[in-house]
Amino acid sequence: MKCNFCQKEIIGKYFIYDNSLIACLDCNYKLPKCAFCKIPIKKFKQIEDKKICLLCLQQLKTCSYCKKIIIGEYVIYKEKRIILCKDCLENNPKCKACNLTIKRWVLINNEKYCIDCAKKAKSCLICKKLIIGRYWTIKNSNKYYCDSCYTRTKHCALCSIPLDSNYLELNGKKICPKCLKMLPICKCCKRPILEKYWQYGRAEGHYCIYCHEKEDHCDVCGIPLKINYVKLSDKRLICKSCHETAITDSEVAEEILESVENIILRKFKMKVNCSSKLKLVNKQTIKNIQKDKDENVLGLFNRINHKFDIYLLSNLPKSLAISVLSHEYAHAWQAENTPAKQDISLREGFCEWISYHVLLELGLRKEAELMNKRKDIYGQGFKFIEKIEA
């Protein structure tokens, strides 16, 4: 039997190691032993004060930072696939975010961060610094805010995003530019409307609570007035839009009535046989004639024996004048063809129904649909007639 180290024949005692190596007494005691496996070694590598066999050397870890073979304690960062010796672990800083020991870093807010954490960091929209740690974001946006900026800055009263110097204050509330663009604009004062607003049936646009409560209103469509309106001799105020087609001439009013008569005759075979006279009058004249003294009366039908008079309030927009004349002409037809004592809801509802169809015939659907929104005796009667028609 030969010694695996000196290759001499072994006479007497010898040693057998776990890997089946056989060593004579001389080789066992004279040769250095591996610091790890304790086997005698002829070829080895000395690291620090330790001699290591080539087989054990292959199994040792190498430090990812200093590239030295690790003798003793080490740490493995599995996710990063990094192995660090004790010296590198103790003598290098740690990433502020992930706590990884780092050899290269990025300095953010006087703190050191690993390259990966720095790449993942968001940039604060306000202070422009990279965000490490907790941050805030707005839903469905790519906007990020560091915790410091989000908590110390003022926020938009509508969408809650933090505000820089670019905002508008409305009614004591701060509004960001994006929300400001989405707010309706008061058609009267031209200011954005933050809270409650009003709309008027015959007019387009939105009106703020201040203009609704403090300003004068158009006596036709009801919108608040600030500028661009006409004051009539009977003290009525008419907005620019209503005044553009206002009926101020009796001949024009007669032409409209004639057109209304023709439509009603063609569509419903209804004709007033008694001679009727149209009178274009101011508000005071209407007040003097009417019985119930309703401030909102726009037209009247008055019968004295066989004399029929239709009164139309002057300065009404053309579409409204058509509606009023259709209604009053229907009253004239009722005077000839229906019982005198008739339910008021039925009587007024029928006249509104006639007016509704005349407006539709002339392509004035928007004006016609306003009748469906009325909740007074006229609107109730109109809906009743519509049910009968259906």
Protein backbone atom coordinates (compact mmCIF):
# COMPACT_ATOMS: atom_id res chain seq x y z
CA MET A 1 0.00 0.00 0.00
CA LYS A 2 1.44 3.37 -1.03
CA CYS A 3 1.09 6.77 0.57
CA ASN A 4 -0.88 9.10 -1.69
CA PHE A 5 1.45 11.98 -0.86
CA CYS A 6 5.05 10.59 -0.95
CA GLN A 7 4.21 7.50 -3.06
CA LYS A 8 6.33 5.28 -0.77
CA GLU A 9 5.32 1.85 0.42
CA ILE A 10 3.74 2.11 3.82
CA ILE A 11 5.23 -0.09 6.51
CA GLY A 12 3.47 0.12 9.78
CA LYS A 13 0.78 2.59 10.77
CA TYR A 14 -0.99 4.98 8.35
CA PHE A 15 -3.99 7.35 8.19
CA ILE A 16 -7.08 7.09 5.97
CA TYR A 17 -9.15 10.26 5.34
CA ASP A 18 -12.82 10.62 4.32
CA ASN A 19 -11.98 11.04 0.65
CA SER A 20 -10.08 7.68 0.75
CA LEU A 21 -6.68 9.36 0.74
CA ILE A 22 -4.00 7.36 2.58
CA ALA A 23 -1.13 9.13 4.34
CA CYS A 24 1.93 7.60 5.96
CA LEU A 25 2.97 8.76 9.43
CA ASP A 26 5.70 11.06 8.12
CA CYS A 27 3.42 12.80 5.58
CA ASN A 28 0.58 13.07 8.05
CA TYR A 29 2.71 14.86 10.65
CA LYS A 30 5.14 16.78 8.47
CA LEU A 31 2.84 18.13 5.70
CA PRO A 32 0.61 21.20 6.41
CA LYS A 33 -3.07 20.52 6.77
CA CYS A 34 -5.96 22.30 5.02
CA ALA A 35 -7.61 24.81 7.35
CA PHE A 36 -11.05 23.47 6.36
CA CYS A 37 -10.96 19.75 5.62
CA LYS A 38 -7.80 19.07 7.83
CA ILE A 39 -6.31 16.79 5.18
CA PRO A 40 -2.52 16.94 4.57
CA ILE A 41 -1.74 19.03 1.51
CA LYS A 42 1.22 19.38 -0.81
CA LYS A 43 -0.45 21.95 -3.10
CA PHE A 44 -2.38 24.72 -1.47
CA LYS A 45 -3.20 28.40 -1.51
CA GLN A 46 -2.48 30.52 1.49
CA ILE A 47 -5.07 33.15 2.34
CA GLU A 48 -4.21 35.31 5.29
CA ASP A 49 -2.73 32.81 7.76
CA LYS A 50 -4.67 29.84 6.48
CA LYS A 51 -3.53 27.15 4.04
CA ILE A 52 -6.38 25.82 1.88
CA CYS A 53 -6.43 22.78 -0.38
CA LEU A 54 -7.43 23.24 -4.00
CA LEU A 55 -10.66 21.27 -3.54
CA CYS A 56 -11.82 23.41 -0.59
CA LEU A 57 -10.66 26.50 -2.45
CA GLN A 58 -13.15 25.77 -5.24
CA GLN A 59 -15.99 25.61 -2.73
CA LEU A 60 -15.26 28.95 -1.08
CA LYS A 61 -17.31 32.09 -1.93
CA THR A 62 -15.81 35.18 -3.52
CA CYS A 63 -16.84 38.60 -2.22
CA SER A 64 -18.83 40.49 -4.90
CA TYR A 65 -17.21 43.80 -3.91
CA CYS A 66 -13.55 43.21 -3.01
CA LYS A 67 -13.30 40.02 -5.15
CA LYS A 68 -11.39 38.26 -2.41
CA ILE A 69 -12.03 34.66 -1.42
CA ILE A 70 -14.05 34.72 1.76
CA ILE A 71 -12.62 33.04 4.83
CA GLY A 72 -15.11 33.15 7.64
CA GLU A 73 -18.47 34.90 7.88
CA TYR A 74 -20.31 36.30 4.86
CA VAL A 75 -23.76 37.55 3.86
CA ILE A 76 -25.78 36.62 0.76
CA TYR A 77 -28.39 38.98 -0.78
CA LYS A 78 -30.36 36.41 -2.76
CA GLU A 79 -32.49 38.85 -4.78
CA LYS A 80 -29.43 40.84 -5.83
CA ARG A 81 -27.19 37.73 -6.13
CA ILE A 82 -24.56 39.49 -4.07
CA ILE A 83 -22.14 37.83 -1.60
CA LEU A 84 -20.24 40.05 0.81
CA CYS A 85 -17.38 39.34 3.15
CA LYS A 86 -17.42 40.63 6.71
CA ASP A 87 -15.04 43.51 5.97
CA CYS A 88 -17.12 44.81 3.02
CA LEU A 89 -20.30 44.39 5.02
CA GLU A 90 -18.97 46.46 7.90
CA ASN A 91 -17.01 49.08 5.99
CA ASN A 92 -19.50 50.07 3.25
CA PRO A 93 -22.69 52.17 3.64
CA LYS A 94 -26.19 50.74 3.35
CA CYS A 95 -28.92 51.84 0.91
CA LYS A 96 -31.43 54.03 2.74
CA ALA A 97 -34.34 52.34 0.96
CA CYS A 98 -33.59 48.60 0.67
CA ASN A 99 -30.81 48.36 3.35
CA LEU A 100 -28.43 46.71 0.88
CA THR A 101 -24.73 47.22 1.60
CA ILE A 102 -23.48 49.29 -1.34
CA LYS A 103 -20.14 50.06 -2.92
CA ARG A 104 -21.59 52.51 -5.49
CA TRP A 105 -24.47 54.78 -4.65
CA VAL A 106 -26.52 57.84 -5.59
CA LEU A 107 -26.81 60.67 -3.09
CA ILE A 108 -30.45 61.84 -2.71
CA ASN A 109 -31.37 64.39 -0.06
CA ASN A 110 -27.99 63.72 1.62
CA GLU A 111 -28.82 60.02 1.88
CA LYS A 112 -27.13 57.16 -0.01
CA TYR A 113 -29.19 54.86 -2.24
CA CYS A 114 -28.29 51.90 -4.43
CA ILE A 115 -28.46 52.34 -8.21
CA ASP A 116 -31.62 50.19 -8.52
CA CYS A 117 -33.55 52.13 -5.87
CA ALA A 118 -32.48 55.43 -7.41
CA LYS A 119 -33.73 54.30 -10.84
CA LYS A 120 -37.11 53.29 -9.40
CA ALA A 121 -37.54 56.52 -7.46
CA LYS A 122 -40.33 58.90 -8.58
CA SER A 123 -39.73 62.60 -9.04
CA CYS A 124 -41.82 64.97 -6.90
CA LEU A 125 -43.86 67.30 -9.12
CA ILE A 126 -43.36 70.21 -6.71
CA CYS A 127 -39.80 70.08 -5.34
CA LYS A 128 -38.48 68.06 -8.34
CA LYS A 129 -36.42 65.83 -6.03
CA LEU A 130 -36.36 62.05 -6.31
CA ILE A 131 -38.80 60.43 -3.91
CA ILE A 132 -37.52 57.70 -1.65
CA GLY A 133 -39.98 56.13 0.75
CA ARG A 134 -43.62 57.11 1.07
CA TYR A 135 -45.13 59.17 -1.72
CA TRP A 136 -48.56 60.34 -2.88
CA THR A 137 -50.09 60.05 -6.32
CA ILE A 138 -53.27 61.17 -8.02
CA LYS A 139 -55.53 58.41 -9.38
CA ASN A 140 -55.19 57.78 -13.13
CA SER A 141 -52.24 60.15 -13.47
CA ASN A 142 -48.44 60.05 -13.57
CA LYS A 143 -48.11 62.77 -10.95
CA TYR A 144 -46.18 61.98 -7.78
CA TYR A 145 -45.55 64.00 -4.63
CA CYS A 146 -43.10 63.43 -1.82
CA ASP A 147 -44.60 63.14 1.65
CA SER A 148 -43.18 66.50 2.70
CA CYS A 149 -44.64 68.48 -0.23
CA TYR A 150 -47.99 66.68 -0.08
CA THR A 151 -48.55 67.34 3.62
CA ARG A 152 -47.28 70.92 3.85
CA THR A 153 -48.77 72.42 0.66
CA LYS A 154 -52.33 73.57 0.03
CA HIS A 155 -54.62 71.33 -2.04
CA CYS A 156 -57.17 71.92 -4.79
CA ALA A 157 -60.64 72.02 -3.24
CA LEU A 158 -62.03 69.86 -6.06
CA CYS A 159 -59.46 67.21 -7.05
CA SER A 160 -57.21 67.40 -3.92
CA ILE A 161 -53.90 67.65 -5.80
CA PRO A 162 -51.19 69.72 -4.08
CA LEU A 163 -50.90 73.24 -5.49
CA ASP A 164 -47.90 75.29 -6.46
CA SER A 165 -48.21 79.03 -7.08
CA ASN A 166 -50.47 78.45 -10.12
CA TYR A 167 -54.06 78.42 -8.81
CA LEU A 168 -57.15 80.60 -8.52
CA GLU A 169 -59.02 81.30 -5.29
CA LEU A 170 -62.83 81.20 -5.56
CA ASN A 171 -65.09 81.81 -2.59
CA GLY A 172 -62.15 81.17 -0.26
CA LYS A 173 -61.30 77.86 -1.98
CA LYS A 174 -58.18 77.22 -4.04
CA ILE A 175 -58.70 75.64 -7.48
CA CYS A 176 -56.05 74.11 -9.76
CA PRO A 177 -55.87 75.16 -13.47
CA LYS A 178 -57.22 71.82 -14.72
CA CYS A 179 -60.33 71.94 -12.52
CA LEU A 180 -60.75 75.61 -13.36
CA LYS A 181 -61.10 74.76 -17.05
CA MET A 182 -63.87 72.27 -16.24
CA LEU A 183 -65.95 74.71 -14.19
CA PRO A 184 -68.98 76.34 -15.84
CA ILE A 185 -68.65 80.08 -16.44
CA CYS A 186 -71.37 82.45 -15.29
CA LYS A 187 -72.79 84.01 -18.43
CA CYS A 188 -73.55 87.20 -16.53
CA CYS A 189 -70.38 88.05 -14.56
CA LYS A 190 -68.05 85.76 -16.59
CA ARG A 191 -66.55 84.23 -13.43
CA PRO A 192 -66.10 80.46 -12.91
CA ILE A 193 -68.89 78.87 -10.87
CA LEU A 194 -67.65 76.70 -8.02
CA GLU A 195 -70.86 75.58 -6.35
CA LYS A 196 -74.56 75.90 -7.09
CA TYR A 197 -75.65 77.45 -10.38
CA TRP A 198 -78.88 78.27 -12.19
CA GLN A 199 -80.12 77.62 -15.71
CA TYR A 200 -83.13 79.26 -17.30
CA GLY A 201 -85.50 77.43 -19.63
CA ARG A 202 -85.52 79.90 -22.51
CA ALA A 203 -81.81 80.76 -22.34
CA GLU A 204 -78.55 78.86 -22.63
CA GLY A 205 -75.70 79.03 -20.15
CA HIS A 206 -75.08 78.89 -16.41
CA TYR A 207 -75.51 81.64 -13.84
CA CYS A 208 -73.84 81.92 -10.42
CA ILE A 209 -75.73 82.33 -7.14
CA TYR A 210 -74.59 85.94 -6.76
CA CYS A 211 -75.96 87.04 -10.15
CA HIS A 212 -79.12 84.98 -9.60
CA GLU A 213 -79.85 86.69 -6.28
CA LYS A 214 -78.38 90.19 -6.70
CA GLU A 215 -78.82 91.23 -10.33
CA ASP A 216 -81.98 92.34 -12.16
CA HIS A 217 -83.56 89.72 -14.42
CA CYS A 218 -84.84 89.74 -17.99
CA ASP A 219 -88.64 90.03 -17.90
CA VAL A 220 -88.90 87.51 -20.74
CA CYS A 221 -86.41 84.66 -20.26
CA GLY A 222 -85.51 85.39 -16.62
CA ILE A 223 -81.72 85.49 -16.93
CA PRO A 224 -79.73 87.85 -14.65
CA LEU A 225 -78.74 91.13 -16.30
CA LYS A 226 -75.52 93.06 -15.90
CA ILE A 227 -74.93 94.79 -19.23
CA ASN A 228 -76.37 94.63 -22.75
CA TYR A 229 -80.04 94.93 -21.95
CA VAL A 230 -82.90 97.27 -22.91
CA LYS A 231 -85.16 99.10 -20.47
CA LEU A 232 -88.65 99.64 -21.91
CA SER A 233 -91.00 102.50 -21.19
CA ASP A 234 -93.17 100.21 -19.04
CA LYS A 235 -90.06 99.51 -16.90
CA ARG A 236 -89.55 96.00 -18.24
CA LEU A 237 -85.94 94.87 -18.74
CA ILE A 238 -85.16 92.82 -21.86
CA CYS A 239 -81.86 91.00 -22.42
CA LYS A 240 -79.96 91.41 -25.67
CA SER A 241 -80.86 87.92 -26.91
CA CYS A 242 -84.61 88.37 -26.37
CA HIS A 243 -84.51 91.86 -27.85
CA GLU A 244 -82.90 90.69 -31.11
CA THR A 245 -86.22 89.24 -32.41
CA ALA A 246 -88.56 91.30 -30.23
CA ILE A 247 -91.93 92.08 -31.82
CA THR A 248 -92.38 95.86 -31.63
CA ASP A 249 -94.47 96.46 -34.74
CA SER A 250 -98.22 95.72 -34.99
CA GLU A 251 -97.96 94.76 -38.67
CA VAL A 252 -95.32 92.13 -37.88
CA ALA A 253 -97.54 90.80 -35.09
CA GLU A 254 -100.49 90.61 -37.55
CA GLU A 255 -98.36 88.59 -39.99
CA ILE A 256 -97.43 86.14 -37.23
CA LEU A 257 -101.08 85.74 -36.20
CA GLU A 258 -102.09 85.13 -39.83
CA SER A 259 -99.40 82.44 -40.11
CA VAL A 260 -100.64 80.85 -36.87
CA GLU A 261 -104.28 80.87 -38.13
CA ASN A 262 -103.25 79.11 -41.35
CA ILE A 263 -101.32 76.40 -39.51
CA ILE A 264 -104.19 75.74 -37.10
CA LEU A 265 -106.69 75.62 -39.96
CA ARG A 266 -104.57 73.25 -42.01
CA LYS A 267 -103.57 70.97 -39.14
CA PHE A 268 -106.71 70.94 -36.98
CA LYS A 269 -109.48 72.32 -39.27
CA MET A 270 -110.11 75.00 -36.65
CA LYS A 271 -111.16 78.53 -37.66
CA VAL A 272 -112.48 81.51 -35.72
CA ASN A 273 -115.45 82.97 -37.58
CA CYS A 274 -115.97 86.12 -35.53
CA SER A 275 -113.74 89.01 -36.49
CA SER A 276 -110.88 89.31 -34.06
CA LYS A 277 -108.56 92.23 -33.55
CA LEU A 278 -104.92 91.95 -32.49
CA LYS A 279 -103.56 94.61 -30.17
CA LEU A 280 -99.85 94.95 -29.37
CA VAL A 281 -99.74 96.52 -25.91
CA ASN A 282 -97.44 97.29 -22.99
CA LYS A 283 -97.43 95.67 -19.56
CA GLN A 284 -99.68 98.26 -17.93
CA THR A 285 -102.44 97.73 -20.51
CA ILE A 286 -102.35 93.97 -19.88
CA LYS A 287 -102.62 94.64 -16.13
CA ASN A 288 -105.64 96.90 -16.62
CA ILE A 289 -107.54 94.31 -18.70
CA GLN A 290 -106.80 91.04 -16.88
CA LYS A 291 -108.91 89.91 -13.97
CA ASP A 292 -106.47 87.91 -11.84
CA LYS A 293 -103.63 90.48 -12.07
CA ASP A 294 -100.98 87.85 -12.84
CA GLU A 295 -97.63 89.62 -13.31
CA ASN A 296 -96.42 87.01 -15.83
CA VAL A 297 -99.28 87.29 -18.36
CA LEU A 298 -97.88 87.65 -21.88
CA GLY A 299 -101.15 87.68 -23.80
CA LEU A 300 -104.91 87.80 -23.35
CA PHE A 301 -108.10 86.88 -25.17
CA ASN A 302 -111.01 89.19 -24.39
CA ARG A 303 -114.60 88.74 -25.61
CA ILE A 304 -117.33 91.35 -25.53
CA ASN A 305 -120.41 89.82 -27.19
CA HIS A 306 -119.27 89.03 -30.74
CA LYS A 307 -116.21 91.21 -30.53
CA PHE A 308 -113.01 89.20 -30.05
CA ASP A 309 -109.78 90.94 -29.04
CA ILE A 310 -106.36 89.28 -28.75
CA TYR A 311 -103.76 91.20 -26.76
CA LEU A 312 -100.05 90.50 -27.17
CA LEU A 313 -97.43 91.97 -24.86
CA SER A 314 -94.97 93.97 -26.94
CA ASN A 315 -91.25 93.23 -27.20
CA LEU A 316 -91.60 89.45 -26.87
CA PRO A 317 -89.11 87.37 -28.90
CA LYS A 318 -90.65 86.03 -32.11
CA SER A 319 -90.76 82.38 -30.98
CA LEU A 320 -92.49 83.36 -27.73
CA ALA A 321 -94.92 85.63 -29.61
CA ILE A 322 -95.86 82.66 -31.85
CA SER A 323 -96.52 80.53 -28.77
CA VAL A 324 -98.65 83.23 -27.08
CA LEU A 325 -100.68 84.03 -30.22
CA SER A 326 -101.34 80.33 -30.87
CA HIS A 327 -102.59 79.97 -27.28
CA GLU A 328 -104.85 83.02 -27.42
CA TYR A 329 -106.22 82.11 -30.87
CA ALA A 330 -107.19 78.71 -29.43
CA HIS A 331 -109.08 80.57 -26.68
CA ALA A 332 -110.93 82.51 -29.40
CA TRP A 333 -111.90 79.20 -31.04
CA GLN A 334 -113.07 77.86 -27.66
CA ALA A 335 -115.27 80.94 -27.22
CA GLU A 336 -117.18 79.97 -30.38
CA ASN A 337 -117.20 76.20 -30.04
CA THR A 338 -117.07 75.05 -26.40
CA PRO A 339 -119.18 75.58 -23.25
CA ALA A 340 -118.46 78.81 -21.37
CA LYS A 341 -118.06 77.03 -18.03
CA GLN A 342 -115.25 74.60 -18.66
CA ASP A 343 -112.61 73.23 -16.30
CA ILE A 344 -109.70 75.70 -16.31
CA SER A 345 -107.10 72.93 -16.52
CA LEU A 346 -108.83 71.46 -19.58
CA ARG A 347 -109.29 74.87 -21.19
CA GLU A 348 -105.71 76.08 -20.69
CA GLY A 349 -104.23 72.66 -21.40
CA PHE A 350 -105.97 72.51 -24.80
CA CYS A 351 -104.63 75.97 -25.74
CA GLU A 352 -101.11 74.95 -24.71
CA TRP A 353 -101.45 71.77 -26.77
CA ILE A 354 -102.41 73.82 -29.84
CA SER A 355 -99.45 76.15 -29.22
CA TYR A 356 -97.14 73.15 -28.82
CA HIS A 357 -98.06 71.74 -32.25
CA VAL A 358 -97.78 75.13 -33.97
CA LEU A 359 -94.25 75.51 -32.61
CA LEU A 360 -93.35 72.01 -33.82
CA GLU A 361 -94.81 72.81 -37.24
CA LEU A 362 -92.46 75.82 -37.45
CA GLY A 363 -89.42 73.80 -36.34
CA LEU A 364 -89.26 75.41 -32.88
CA ARG A 365 -88.89 72.14 -30.95
CA LYS A 366 -86.77 73.59 -28.14
CA GLU A 367 -89.44 76.19 -27.37
CA ALA A 368 -92.19 73.56 -27.64
CA GLU A 369 -90.45 71.22 -25.18
CA LEU A 370 -90.49 73.94 -22.51
CA MET A 371 -94.21 73.19 -22.06
CA ASN A 372 -93.35 69.75 -20.73
CA LYS A 373 -91.35 71.39 -17.93
CA ARG A 374 -94.15 73.62 -16.68
CA LYS A 375 -95.72 72.60 -13.38
CA ASP A 376 -98.45 75.24 -13.16
CA ILE A 377 -102.06 74.90 -14.31
CA TYR A 378 -100.94 75.34 -17.93
CA GLY A 379 -98.38 72.54 -17.71
CA GLN A 380 -100.77 70.21 -15.87
CA GLY A 381 -103.49 70.80 -18.44
CA PHE A 382 -101.09 70.27 -21.33
CA LYS A 383 -99.99 66.89 -19.94
CA PHE A 384 -103.64 65.92 -19.49
CA ILE A 385 -104.43 66.69 -23.15
CA GLU A 386 -101.30 64.84 -24.25
CA LYS A 387 -102.53 61.72 -22.44
CA ILE A 388 -105.88 61.98 -24.26
CA GLU A 389 -104.02 62.35 -27.57
CA ALA A 390 -101.90 59.30 -26.83
